[in-house]
Amino acid sequence: MTGNLRASAVRLSLAVLLLAGVSACGGAEEYTVPSKACDRDVSKDELGALLPSGAELRDKPWVSDNSFSCEIYVDGLMQFAFTEHSGQRKFDVSAYAKSGRLGGFDQLRASDVSDNAVVSHTRSVVMAPCPKAGRNYILDLELPNTDGDHSNDIERFVRSYLPTGLAAMGC
C-alpha cells in the first residue's frame, strides 16, 4: 500500500511539474505595435521604442477645428500622447518651455528636429511653418507614465512622424 501511495505521489508531482512548465512557456499575449496611431501613419519601429510591453494596446483620438490629439494606452494606462495644432502664432518654443508656460519638462534641451523645438526625457514640443493652413504647426508629444531618458527615441519618432502630421493638418 505504501508503494502505491508513493507511486501516486510521484506521478502527481510529475504532472504538476509538466503543467507548470507548459504554463510558463505559454506566457501572456503581447500586442502588436501598429503602423497607425489614431488613424495616422506612424513608424512601427519608432513607436515601438516608446511603448512598454503589455497585452493590450488601444488608441483614442480627439479632433477639433485646429487640433488633433492621440492617446495610446497599454493595458489601460496612458503611455503615449501627442497633440497637434495648426494656425498658431510663432513663438520661441525654448523660451516658453524654460519659463514653464508649456508645462513641465525633465532635463530640457534644444532639439535638432526643427529650428524651433525642444526635447526632454519624456516630452517634446516642435513648431514648424504651416504656410498652406496659415501660421505655424505645433506637435506636442509626451510619455506621461514612464521614467528614464527617452529623448533620443522621442526625437527619432518626431522626425519620422513630422511629415505625416504636417500633411494631416493641412500644412
C-alpha atoms as a PDB file:
ATOM      1  CA  MET A   1       0.000   0.000   0.000  1.00  0.00           C
ATOM      2  CA  THR A   2       2.819   2.374   0.798  1.00  0.00           C
ATOM      3  CA  GLY A   3       4.389   1.675  -2.626  1.00  0.00           C
ATOM      4  CA  ASN A   4       1.155   2.581  -4.435  1.00  0.00           C
ATOM      5  CA  LEU A   5       0.795   5.783  -2.424  1.00  0.00           C
ATOM      6  CA  ARG A   6       4.404   6.752  -3.133  1.00  0.00           C
ATOM      7  CA  ALA A   7       3.998   5.989  -6.874  1.00  0.00           C
ATOM      8  CA  SER A   8       0.796   8.093  -6.969  1.00  0.00           C
ATOM      9  CA  ALA A   9       2.572  10.993  -5.252  1.00  0.00           C
ATOM     10  CA  VAL A  10       5.447  10.791  -7.749  1.00  0.00           C
ATOM     11  CA  ARG A  11       3.025  10.772 -10.724  1.00  0.00           C
ATOM     12  CA  LEU A  12       1.116  13.702  -9.258  1.00  0.00           C
ATOM     13  CA  SER A  13       4.370  15.655  -8.731  1.00  0.00           C
ATOM     14  CA  LEU A  14       5.446  14.952 -12.311  1.00  0.00           C
ATOM     15  CA  ALA A  15       2.055  16.045 -13.639  1.00  0.00           C
ATOM     16  CA  VAL A  16       2.238  19.320 -11.661  1.00  0.00           C
ATOM     17  CA  LEU A  17       5.778  19.997 -12.924  1.00  0.00           C
ATOM     18  CA  LEU A  18       4.752  19.324 -16.523  1.00  0.00           C
ATOM     19  CA  LEU A  19       1.739  21.624 -16.240  1.00  0.00           C
ATOM     20  CA  ALA A  20       3.861  24.336 -14.650  1.00  0.00           C
ATOM     21  CA  GLY A  21       6.372  24.056 -17.487  1.00  0.00           C
ATOM     22  CA  VAL A  22       3.647  24.324 -20.133  1.00  0.00           C
ATOM     23  CA  SER A  23       2.138  27.348 -18.374  1.00  0.00           C
ATOM     24  CA  ALA A  24       5.498  29.100 -18.125  1.00  0.00           C
ATOM     25  CA  CYS A  25       6.143  28.625 -21.847  1.00  0.00           C
ATOM     26  CA  GLY A  26       2.709  29.961 -22.800  1.00  0.00           C
ATOM     27  CA  GLY A  27       3.172  33.447 -21.297  1.00  0.00           C
ATOM     28  CA  ALA A  28       0.845  36.393 -21.803  1.00  0.00           C
ATOM     29  CA  GLU A  29      -0.024  37.565 -25.293  1.00  0.00           C
ATOM     30  CA  GLU A  30       1.838  40.690 -26.413  1.00  0.00           C
ATOM     31  CA  TYR A  31       0.154  43.373 -28.502  1.00  0.00           C
ATOM     32  CA  THR A  32       1.465  44.115 -31.983  1.00  0.00           C
ATOM     33  CA  VAL A  33       2.829  47.619 -32.494  1.00  0.00           C
ATOM     34  CA  PRO A  34       0.573  49.219 -35.128  1.00  0.00           C
ATOM     35  CA  SER A  35       1.591  51.174 -38.219  1.00  0.00           C
ATOM     36  CA  LYS A  36      -1.200  53.647 -37.447  1.00  0.00           C
ATOM     37  CA  ALA A  37      -1.962  55.619 -34.288  1.00  0.00           C
ATOM     38  CA  CYS A  38      -5.427  57.180 -34.220  1.00  0.00           C
ATOM     39  CA  ASP A  39      -5.611  56.578 -37.997  1.00  0.00           C
ATOM     40  CA  ARG A  40      -2.341  58.451 -38.626  1.00  0.00           C
ATOM     41  CA  ASP A  41       0.573  56.637 -40.256  1.00  0.00           C
ATOM     42  CA  VAL A  42       3.485  56.088 -37.865  1.00  0.00           C
ATOM     43  CA  SER A  43       6.733  54.163 -37.948  1.00  0.00           C
ATOM     44  CA  LYS A  44       6.180  50.875 -36.114  1.00  0.00           C
ATOM     45  CA  ASP A  45       9.831  50.793 -35.050  1.00  0.00           C
ATOM     46  CA  GLU A  46       9.880  54.359 -33.735  1.00  0.00           C
ATOM     47  CA  LEU A  47       6.535  53.989 -31.934  1.00  0.00           C
ATOM     48  CA  GLY A  48       7.510  50.590 -30.520  1.00  0.00           C
ATOM     49  CA  ALA A  49      10.661  52.089 -28.988  1.00  0.00           C
ATOM     50  CA  LEU A  50       8.466  54.440 -26.928  1.00  0.00           C
ATOM     51  CA  LEU A  51       5.917  51.916 -25.647  1.00  0.00           C
ATOM     52  CA  PRO A  52       6.240  49.400 -22.813  1.00  0.00           C
ATOM     53  CA  SER A  53       5.372  45.756 -23.271  1.00  0.00           C
ATOM     54  CA  GLY A  54       1.876  44.630 -22.439  1.00  0.00           C
ATOM     55  CA  ALA A  55      -1.074  42.545 -23.513  1.00  0.00           C
ATOM     56  CA  GLU A  56      -3.449  45.182 -24.903  1.00  0.00           C
ATOM     57  CA  LEU A  57      -2.894  48.398 -26.849  1.00  0.00           C
ATOM     58  CA  ARG A  58      -5.633  50.842 -27.783  1.00  0.00           C
ATOM     59  CA  ASP A  59      -5.679  54.387 -29.055  1.00  0.00           C
ATOM     60  CA  LYS A  60      -8.085  57.243 -28.502  1.00  0.00           C
ATOM     61  CA  PRO A  61      -8.246  60.198 -30.931  1.00  0.00           C
ATOM     62  CA  TRP A  62      -9.732  63.610 -30.288  1.00  0.00           C
ATOM     63  CA  VAL A  63     -10.334  66.158 -33.066  1.00  0.00           C
ATOM     64  CA  SER A  64     -11.371  69.824 -33.176  1.00  0.00           C
ATOM     65  CA  ASP A  65     -11.119  72.555 -35.839  1.00  0.00           C
ATOM     66  CA  ASN A  66      -7.398  73.285 -35.467  1.00  0.00           C
ATOM     67  CA  SER A  67      -6.280  70.472 -33.151  1.00  0.00           C
ATOM     68  CA  PHE A  68      -5.799  66.728 -33.169  1.00  0.00           C
ATOM     69  CA  SER A  69      -4.857  64.569 -30.185  1.00  0.00           C
ATOM     70  CA  CYS A  70      -3.975  60.912 -29.906  1.00  0.00           C
ATOM     71  CA  GLU A  71      -3.573  58.949 -26.693  1.00  0.00           C
ATOM     72  CA  ILE A  72      -2.203  55.417 -26.657  1.00  0.00           C
ATOM     73  CA  TYR A  73      -2.983  53.104 -23.761  1.00  0.00           C
ATOM     74  CA  VAL A  74      -1.126  49.901 -22.878  1.00  0.00           C
ATOM     75  CA  ASP A  75      -3.062  47.620 -20.552  1.00  0.00           C
ATOM     76  CA  GLY A  76      -5.384  50.505 -19.642  1.00  0.00           C
ATOM     77  CA  LEU A  77      -2.655  53.039 -18.704  1.00  0.00           C
ATOM     78  CA  MET A  78      -1.912  56.001 -20.987  1.00  0.00           C
ATOM     79  CA  GLN A  79       1.696  55.634 -22.124  1.00  0.00           C
ATOM     80  CA  PHE A  80       1.992  57.938 -25.137  1.00  0.00           C
ATOM     81  CA  ALA A  81       0.155  61.076 -26.212  1.00  0.00           C
ATOM     82  CA  PHE A  82       0.594  63.692 -28.875  1.00  0.00           C
ATOM     83  CA  THR A  83      -1.347  66.804 -29.761  1.00  0.00           C
ATOM     84  CA  GLU A  84      -1.093  68.781 -32.976  1.00  0.00           C
ATOM     85  CA  HIS A  85      -2.225  72.351 -33.599  1.00  0.00           C
ATOM     86  CA  SER A  86      -2.272  74.376 -36.796  1.00  0.00           C
ATOM     87  CA  GLY A  87      -2.785  78.106 -37.248  1.00  0.00           C
ATOM     88  CA  GLN A  88      -0.589  79.014 -34.272  1.00  0.00           C
ATOM     89  CA  ARG A  89       1.273  82.281 -33.981  1.00  0.00           C
ATOM     90  CA  LYS A  90       5.043  81.958 -33.886  1.00  0.00           C
ATOM     91  CA  PHE A  91       6.817  81.983 -30.518  1.00  0.00           C
ATOM     92  CA  ASP A  92      10.154  80.797 -29.162  1.00  0.00           C
ATOM     93  CA  VAL A  93       9.418  77.229 -28.000  1.00  0.00           C
ATOM     94  CA  SER A  94      12.603  77.037 -25.913  1.00  0.00           C
ATOM     95  CA  ALA A  95      11.879  80.300 -24.081  1.00  0.00           C
ATOM     96  CA  TYR A  96       8.276  79.272 -23.395  1.00  0.00           C
ATOM     97  CA  ALA A  97       9.370  75.836 -22.157  1.00  0.00           C
ATOM     98  CA  LYS A  98      12.032  77.300 -19.857  1.00  0.00           C
ATOM     99  CA  SER A  99       9.507  79.769 -18.418  1.00  0.00           C
ATOM    100  CA  GLY A 100       7.051  76.964 -17.616  1.00  0.00           C
ATOM    101  CA  ARG A 101       4.351  78.255 -19.982  1.00  0.00           C
ATOM    102  CA  LEU A 102       4.334  74.897 -21.824  1.00  0.00           C
ATOM    103  CA  GLY A 103       4.137  72.774 -18.677  1.00  0.00           C
ATOM    104  CA  GLY A 104       6.794  70.547 -17.159  1.00  0.00           C
ATOM    105  CA  PHE A 105       9.946  69.200 -18.775  1.00  0.00           C
ATOM    106  CA  ASP A 106      12.604  66.938 -17.274  1.00  0.00           C
ATOM    107  CA  GLN A 107      16.131  67.859 -18.468  1.00  0.00           C
ATOM    108  CA  LEU A 108      15.069  70.244 -21.247  1.00  0.00           C
ATOM    109  CA  ARG A 109      17.351  70.765 -24.264  1.00  0.00           C
ATOM    110  CA  ALA A 110      17.081  72.137 -27.795  1.00  0.00           C
ATOM    111  CA  SER A 111      16.137  69.550 -30.419  1.00  0.00           C
ATOM    112  CA  ASP A 112      17.560  69.438 -33.930  1.00  0.00           C
ATOM    113  CA  VAL A 113      14.238  68.154 -35.331  1.00  0.00           C
ATOM    114  CA  SER A 114      13.340  71.766 -36.151  1.00  0.00           C
ATOM    115  CA  ASP A 115      14.928  75.156 -35.565  1.00  0.00           C
ATOM    116  CA  ASN A 116      12.171  75.833 -33.016  1.00  0.00           C
ATOM    117  CA  ALA A 117      11.938  72.640 -30.947  1.00  0.00           C
ATOM    118  CA  VAL A 118      12.762  71.248 -27.521  1.00  0.00           C
ATOM    119  CA  VAL A 119      13.002  67.747 -26.106  1.00  0.00           C
ATOM    120  CA  SER A 120      13.324  66.342 -22.608  1.00  0.00           C
ATOM    121  CA  HIS A 121      13.484  62.852 -21.134  1.00  0.00           C
ATOM    122  CA  THR A 122       9.739  62.285 -21.649  1.00  0.00           C
ATOM    123  CA  ARG A 123       8.431  65.156 -23.781  1.00  0.00           C
ATOM    124  CA  SER A 124       8.972  67.169 -26.959  1.00  0.00           C
ATOM    125  CA  VAL A 125       7.420  70.304 -28.437  1.00  0.00           C
ATOM    126  CA  VAL A 126       8.124  71.213 -32.058  1.00  0.00           C
ATOM    127  CA  MET A 127       6.989  74.225 -34.056  1.00  0.00           C
ATOM    128  CA  ALA A 128       7.202  74.195 -37.851  1.00  0.00           C
ATOM    129  CA  PRO A 129       5.891  76.563 -40.550  1.00  0.00           C
ATOM    130  CA  CYS A 130       2.441  75.751 -41.923  1.00  0.00           C
ATOM    131  CA  PRO A 131       2.033  78.081 -44.908  1.00  0.00           C
ATOM    132  CA  LYS A 132      -0.955  76.306 -46.525  1.00  0.00           C
ATOM    133  CA  ALA A 133      -3.100  76.482 -43.384  1.00  0.00           C
ATOM    134  CA  GLY A 134      -1.531  79.769 -42.274  1.00  0.00           C
ATOM    135  CA  ARG A 135       0.816  80.497 -39.427  1.00  0.00           C
ATOM    136  CA  ASN A 136       2.503  77.519 -37.708  1.00  0.00           C
ATOM    137  CA  TYR A 137       2.114  73.877 -36.751  1.00  0.00           C
ATOM    138  CA  ILE A 138       2.879  72.554 -33.252  1.00  0.00           C
ATOM    139  CA  LEU A 139       3.488  68.943 -32.245  1.00  0.00           C
ATOM    140  CA  ASP A 140       3.483  68.292 -28.501  1.00  0.00           C
ATOM    141  CA  LEU A 141       4.420  64.710 -27.593  1.00  0.00           C
ATOM    142  CA  GLU A 142       4.551  63.205 -24.088  1.00  0.00           C
ATOM    143  CA  LEU A 143       5.264  59.897 -22.369  1.00  0.00           C
ATOM    144  CA  PRO A 144       3.277  60.559 -19.166  1.00  0.00           C
ATOM    145  CA  ASN A 145       3.841  57.305 -17.258  1.00  0.00           C
ATOM    146  CA  THR A 146       7.472  56.447 -17.803  1.00  0.00           C
ATOM    147  CA  ASP A 147      10.830  57.049 -16.177  1.00  0.00           C
ATOM    148  CA  GLY A 148      14.289  57.377 -17.639  1.00  0.00           C
ATOM    149  CA  ASP A 149      15.696  59.284 -20.585  1.00  0.00           C
ATOM    150  CA  HIS A 150      13.736  58.655 -23.791  1.00  0.00           C
ATOM    151  CA  SER A 151      14.785  61.870 -25.552  1.00  0.00           C
ATOM    152  CA  ASN A 152      16.661  60.167 -28.407  1.00  0.00           C
ATOM    153  CA  ASP A 153      13.739  57.792 -29.101  1.00  0.00           C
ATOM    154  CA  ILE A 154      11.323  60.728 -28.946  1.00  0.00           C
ATOM    155  CA  GLU A 155      13.386  62.685 -31.476  1.00  0.00           C
ATOM    156  CA  ARG A 156      13.519  59.685 -33.840  1.00  0.00           C
ATOM    157  CA  PHE A 157       9.725  59.316 -33.609  1.00  0.00           C
ATOM    158  CA  VAL A 158       9.131  63.041 -34.159  1.00  0.00           C
ATOM    159  CA  ARG A 159      11.491  63.094 -37.172  1.00  0.00           C
ATOM    160  CA  SER A 160       9.654  60.173 -38.765  1.00  0.00           C
ATOM    161  CA  TYR A 161       6.167  61.463 -37.890  1.00  0.00           C
ATOM    162  CA  LEU A 162       6.514  65.183 -38.686  1.00  0.00           C
ATOM    163  CA  PRO A 163       5.789  64.948 -42.456  1.00  0.00           C
ATOM    164  CA  THR A 164       2.627  62.909 -41.700  1.00  0.00           C
ATOM    165  CA  GLY A 165       1.460  65.371 -39.055  1.00  0.00           C
ATOM    166  CA  LEU A 166       2.130  68.414 -41.217  1.00  0.00           C
ATOM    167  CA  ALA A 167       0.207  66.894 -44.150  1.00  0.00           C
ATOM    168  CA  ALA A 168      -2.693  65.752 -41.969  1.00  0.00           C
ATOM    169  CA  MET A 169      -3.052  69.251 -40.507  1.00  0.00           C
ATOM    170  CA  GLY A 170      -3.125  70.806 -43.991  1.00  0.00           C
ATOM    171  CA  CYS A 171       0.392  72.245 -43.974  1.00  0.00           C
END
